[in-house]
Amino acid sequence: MQIPDAFFDLCLYLHQDSFYVYGTDPKEIAAGATKHMSNAQKQALGAFLNELLTGNYSEDELQEIYRRGDPEISFSPLRYFLGVVRDTITSGG
């Protein structure tokens, strides 16, 4: 699986201070982590997340892919958070 750079960029924004900087709600975190991304990055990330979420990936497989980005925070269920990020991008956030 080819993971786009935009996914790694997202993971960089998911750092230990995310809850202080963005808020604690997954929608706030998704909006905060994507707000500095270019439209091209958001498009690539949205397409990749859509592929993950519509594919036949288990929660464990999603967690393994997520960890490749080396984020400092975790989400459970990750599928829900990735969906929130995708929906944030889709809605123009």
N, C-alpha and C. Protein backbone atom coordinates (compact mmCIF):
# COMPACT_ATOMS: atom_id res chain seq x y z
N MET A 1 0.84 -1.18 0.00
CA MET A 1 0.00 0.00 0.00
C MET A 1 0.88 1.24 0.00
N GLN A 2 0.56 2.14 -0.90
CA GLN A 2 1.27 3.40 -0.99
C GLN A 2 0.59 4.43 -0.09
N ILE A 3 1.28 4.88 0.92
CA ILE A 3 0.74 5.88 1.84
C ILE A 3 1.20 7.25 1.36
N PRO A 4 0.27 8.16 1.09
CA PRO A 4 0.66 9.48 0.58
C PRO A 4 1.33 10.34 1.65
N ASP A 5 2.16 11.24 1.20
CA ASP A 5 2.83 12.17 2.12
C ASP A 5 1.83 12.95 2.96
N ALA A 6 0.67 13.22 2.41
CA ALA A 6 -0.34 13.99 3.15
C ALA A 6 -0.77 13.25 4.42
N PHE A 7 -0.75 11.93 4.40
CA PHE A 7 -1.10 11.17 5.60
C PHE A 7 -0.02 11.35 6.66
N PHE A 8 1.24 11.32 6.23
CA PHE A 8 2.34 11.54 7.17
C PHE A 8 2.29 12.97 7.72
N ASP A 9 1.90 13.93 6.88
CA ASP A 9 1.74 15.31 7.33
C ASP A 9 0.66 15.40 8.40
N LEU A 10 -0.46 14.72 8.18
CA LEU A 10 -1.52 14.70 9.18
C LEU A 10 -0.98 14.18 10.50
N CYS A 11 -0.25 13.09 10.45
CA CYS A 11 0.28 12.49 11.68
C CYS A 11 1.23 13.42 12.42
N LEU A 12 1.97 14.25 11.68
CA LEU A 12 2.85 15.23 12.34
C LEU A 12 2.05 16.22 13.17
N TYR A 13 0.85 16.53 12.73
CA TYR A 13 -0.01 17.48 13.46
C TYR A 13 -0.72 16.82 14.63
N LEU A 14 -0.62 15.51 14.75
CA LEU A 14 -1.25 14.79 15.86
C LEU A 14 -0.19 14.54 16.92
N HIS A 15 0.15 15.59 17.64
CA HIS A 15 1.24 15.56 18.61
C HIS A 15 0.70 15.61 20.03
N GLN A 16 1.60 15.53 20.98
CA GLN A 16 1.22 15.43 22.39
C GLN A 16 0.41 16.63 22.89
N ASP A 17 0.50 17.76 22.25
CA ASP A 17 -0.23 18.95 22.68
C ASP A 17 -1.53 19.17 21.90
N SER A 18 -1.90 18.22 21.06
CA SER A 18 -3.08 18.38 20.21
C SER A 18 -4.34 18.70 21.00
N PHE A 19 -4.52 18.04 22.13
CA PHE A 19 -5.73 18.26 22.92
C PHE A 19 -5.77 19.67 23.52
N TYR A 20 -4.60 20.26 23.75
CA TYR A 20 -4.52 21.62 24.28
C TYR A 20 -4.67 22.65 23.16
N VAL A 21 -4.09 22.34 22.01
CA VAL A 21 -4.09 23.29 20.90
C VAL A 21 -5.41 23.27 20.14
N TYR A 22 -5.92 22.07 19.85
CA TYR A 22 -7.12 21.94 19.01
C TYR A 22 -8.41 21.75 19.81
N GLY A 23 -8.33 21.15 20.96
CA GLY A 23 -9.51 20.79 21.73
C GLY A 23 -9.57 19.27 21.90
N THR A 24 -10.57 18.80 22.59
CA THR A 24 -10.64 17.37 22.88
C THR A 24 -11.64 16.61 21.99
N ASP A 25 -12.52 17.33 21.33
CA ASP A 25 -13.49 16.69 20.45
C ASP A 25 -12.80 16.24 19.16
N PRO A 26 -13.09 15.05 18.68
CA PRO A 26 -12.47 14.58 17.44
C PRO A 26 -12.65 15.53 16.26
N LYS A 27 -13.79 16.22 16.19
CA LYS A 27 -14.01 17.18 15.11
C LYS A 27 -13.06 18.37 15.22
N GLU A 28 -12.80 18.81 16.44
CA GLU A 28 -11.85 19.91 16.65
C GLU A 28 -10.43 19.48 16.30
N ILE A 29 -10.08 18.28 16.67
CA ILE A 29 -8.74 17.77 16.38
C ILE A 29 -8.56 17.62 14.87
N ALA A 30 -9.58 17.06 14.21
CA ALA A 30 -9.51 16.89 12.75
C ALA A 30 -9.37 18.24 12.05
N ALA A 31 -10.16 19.22 12.47
CA ALA A 31 -10.09 20.55 11.86
C ALA A 31 -8.74 21.21 12.12
N GLY A 32 -8.24 21.09 13.34
CA GLY A 32 -6.96 21.69 13.69
C GLY A 32 -5.80 21.04 12.95
N ALA A 33 -5.84 19.73 12.82
CA ALA A 33 -4.73 19.01 12.18
C ALA A 33 -4.71 19.20 10.67
N THR A 34 -5.83 19.59 10.07
CA THR A 34 -5.86 19.76 8.61
C THR A 34 -5.88 21.21 8.16
N LYS A 35 -6.02 22.15 9.08
CA LYS A 35 -6.22 23.55 8.68
C LYS A 35 -5.01 24.16 7.97
N HIS A 36 -3.83 23.65 8.20
CA HIS A 36 -2.63 24.22 7.56
C HIS A 36 -2.24 23.46 6.30
N MET A 37 -3.03 22.47 5.93
CA MET A 37 -2.72 21.69 4.73
C MET A 37 -3.23 22.43 3.49
N SER A 38 -2.51 22.26 2.40
CA SER A 38 -2.95 22.84 1.13
C SER A 38 -4.14 22.04 0.60
N ASN A 39 -4.83 22.61 -0.37
CA ASN A 39 -5.95 21.89 -0.98
C ASN A 39 -5.49 20.58 -1.61
N ALA A 40 -4.32 20.59 -2.23
CA ALA A 40 -3.79 19.37 -2.85
C ALA A 40 -3.52 18.30 -1.79
N GLN A 41 -2.97 18.71 -0.66
CA GLN A 41 -2.72 17.76 0.43
C GLN A 41 -4.04 17.20 0.95
N LYS A 42 -5.02 18.08 1.12
CA LYS A 42 -6.32 17.63 1.61
C LYS A 42 -6.98 16.66 0.64
N GLN A 43 -6.86 16.93 -0.65
CA GLN A 43 -7.44 16.03 -1.65
C GLN A 43 -6.78 14.66 -1.57
N ALA A 44 -5.46 14.64 -1.50
CA ALA A 44 -4.74 13.36 -1.44
C ALA A 44 -5.08 12.61 -0.16
N LEU A 45 -5.14 13.33 0.94
CA LEU A 45 -5.46 12.71 2.22
C LEU A 45 -6.89 12.19 2.21
N GLY A 46 -7.83 12.99 1.72
CA GLY A 46 -9.22 12.56 1.66
C GLY A 46 -9.41 11.31 0.83
N ALA A 47 -8.73 11.24 -0.32
CA ALA A 47 -8.83 10.06 -1.18
C ALA A 47 -8.24 8.83 -0.48
N PHE A 48 -7.13 9.01 0.20
CA PHE A 48 -6.51 7.90 0.90
C PHE A 48 -7.39 7.42 2.05
N LEU A 49 -7.93 8.35 2.82
CA LEU A 49 -8.80 7.96 3.93
C LEU A 49 -10.06 7.26 3.42
N ASN A 50 -10.59 7.73 2.31
CA ASN A 50 -11.75 7.08 1.73
C ASN A 50 -11.42 5.64 1.32
N GLU A 51 -10.24 5.45 0.76
CA GLU A 51 -9.78 4.11 0.39
C GLU A 51 -9.69 3.22 1.63
N LEU A 52 -9.13 3.76 2.70
CA LEU A 52 -9.02 2.98 3.94
C LEU A 52 -10.38 2.63 4.52
N LEU A 53 -11.26 3.62 4.54
CA LEU A 53 -12.55 3.44 5.21
C LEU A 53 -13.54 2.60 4.41
N THR A 54 -13.38 2.57 3.11
CA THR A 54 -14.28 1.75 2.29
C THR A 54 -13.67 0.39 1.98
N GLY A 55 -12.40 0.23 2.32
CA GLY A 55 -11.74 -1.05 2.11
C GLY A 55 -12.09 -2.02 3.23
N ASN A 56 -11.61 -3.19 3.11
CA ASN A 56 -11.91 -4.25 4.08
C ASN A 56 -10.79 -4.34 5.12
N TYR A 57 -10.54 -3.24 5.81
CA TYR A 57 -9.47 -3.19 6.81
C TYR A 57 -10.04 -3.34 8.21
N SER A 58 -9.42 -4.17 8.99
CA SER A 58 -9.83 -4.32 10.38
C SER A 58 -9.29 -3.14 11.18
N GLU A 59 -9.78 -2.99 12.40
CA GLU A 59 -9.29 -1.93 13.28
C GLU A 59 -7.79 -2.10 13.53
N ASP A 60 -7.34 -3.33 13.71
CA ASP A 60 -5.91 -3.59 13.92
C ASP A 60 -5.09 -3.17 12.71
N GLU A 61 -5.58 -3.44 11.52
CA GLU A 61 -4.86 -3.05 10.31
C GLU A 61 -4.82 -1.53 10.16
N LEU A 62 -5.93 -0.88 10.49
CA LEU A 62 -5.94 0.58 10.45
C LEU A 62 -4.95 1.17 11.45
N GLN A 63 -4.91 0.59 12.64
CA GLN A 63 -3.96 1.06 13.66
C GLN A 63 -2.52 0.89 13.18
N GLU A 64 -2.24 -0.23 12.51
CA GLU A 64 -0.88 -0.48 11.99
C GLU A 64 -0.50 0.57 10.95
N ILE A 65 -1.42 0.89 10.06
CA ILE A 65 -1.17 1.91 9.04
C ILE A 65 -0.97 3.27 9.71
N TYR A 66 -1.83 3.58 10.68
CA TYR A 66 -1.75 4.86 11.40
C TYR A 66 -0.39 4.99 12.11
N ARG A 67 0.07 3.94 12.72
CA ARG A 67 1.35 3.99 13.45
C ARG A 67 2.53 4.22 12.51
N ARG A 68 2.40 3.88 11.25
CA ARG A 68 3.48 4.15 10.29
C ARG A 68 3.75 5.65 10.17
N GLY A 69 2.73 6.46 10.46
CA GLY A 69 2.90 7.91 10.41
C GLY A 69 3.54 8.48 11.65
N ASP A 70 3.77 7.66 12.65
CA ASP A 70 4.43 8.03 13.90
C ASP A 70 3.72 9.18 14.64
N PRO A 71 2.39 9.11 14.77
CA PRO A 71 1.69 10.13 15.55
C PRO A 71 1.99 9.97 17.03
N GLU A 72 1.81 11.04 17.78
CA GLU A 72 2.07 10.98 19.22
C GLU A 72 0.82 10.69 20.03
N ILE A 73 -0.35 10.71 19.40
CA ILE A 73 -1.59 10.40 20.12
C ILE A 73 -2.33 9.29 19.39
N SER A 74 -3.19 8.60 20.12
CA SER A 74 -3.94 7.50 19.52
C SER A 74 -5.43 7.73 19.67
N PHE A 75 -6.20 7.03 18.87
CA PHE A 75 -7.65 7.11 18.89
C PHE A 75 -8.23 5.71 18.85
N SER A 76 -9.32 5.54 19.56
CA SER A 76 -10.00 4.25 19.54
C SER A 76 -11.50 4.49 19.64
N PRO A 77 -12.26 4.07 18.68
CA PRO A 77 -11.83 3.37 17.47
C PRO A 77 -11.23 4.36 16.46
N LEU A 78 -10.16 3.95 15.85
CA LEU A 78 -9.47 4.79 14.87
C LEU A 78 -10.35 5.01 13.64
N ARG A 79 -11.11 4.00 13.26
CA ARG A 79 -11.98 4.13 12.08
C ARG A 79 -12.88 5.37 12.21
N TYR A 80 -13.41 5.59 13.41
CA TYR A 80 -14.28 6.76 13.64
C TYR A 80 -13.50 8.05 13.40
N PHE A 81 -12.31 8.16 14.00
CA PHE A 81 -11.53 9.40 13.86
C PHE A 81 -11.14 9.64 12.40
N LEU A 82 -10.71 8.61 11.71
CA LEU A 82 -10.34 8.78 10.30
C LEU A 82 -11.54 9.23 9.48
N GLY A 83 -12.72 8.73 9.82
CA GLY A 83 -13.94 9.18 9.16
C GLY A 83 -14.23 10.64 9.43
N VAL A 84 -13.98 11.07 10.64
CA VAL A 84 -14.17 12.49 10.99
C VAL A 84 -13.21 13.36 10.19
N VAL A 85 -11.96 12.92 10.07
CA VAL A 85 -10.98 13.69 9.28
C VAL A 85 -11.45 13.77 7.83
N ARG A 86 -11.84 12.64 7.27
CA ARG A 86 -12.31 12.63 5.86
C ARG A 86 -13.53 13.56 5.70
N ASP A 87 -14.47 13.48 6.62
CA ASP A 87 -15.67 14.31 6.53
C ASP A 87 -15.35 15.79 6.70
N THR A 88 -14.36 16.10 7.52
CA THR A 88 -13.91 17.48 7.70
C THR A 88 -13.35 18.02 6.38
N ILE A 89 -12.56 17.21 5.72
CA ILE A 89 -11.99 17.61 4.43
C ILE A 89 -13.09 17.77 3.40
N THR A 90 -14.00 16.82 3.34
CA THR A 90 -15.09 16.84 2.38
C THR A 90 -15.98 18.06 2.54
N SER A 91 -16.19 18.47 3.80
CA SER A 91 -17.06 19.62 4.07
C SER A 91 -16.34 20.96 3.91
N GLY A 92 -15.07 20.91 3.51
CA GLY A 92 -14.34 22.15 3.26
C GLY A 92 -13.56 22.66 4.45
N GLY A 93 -13.44 21.81 5.50
CA GLY A 93 -12.71 22.22 6.70
C GLY A 93 -11.23 22.10 6.58
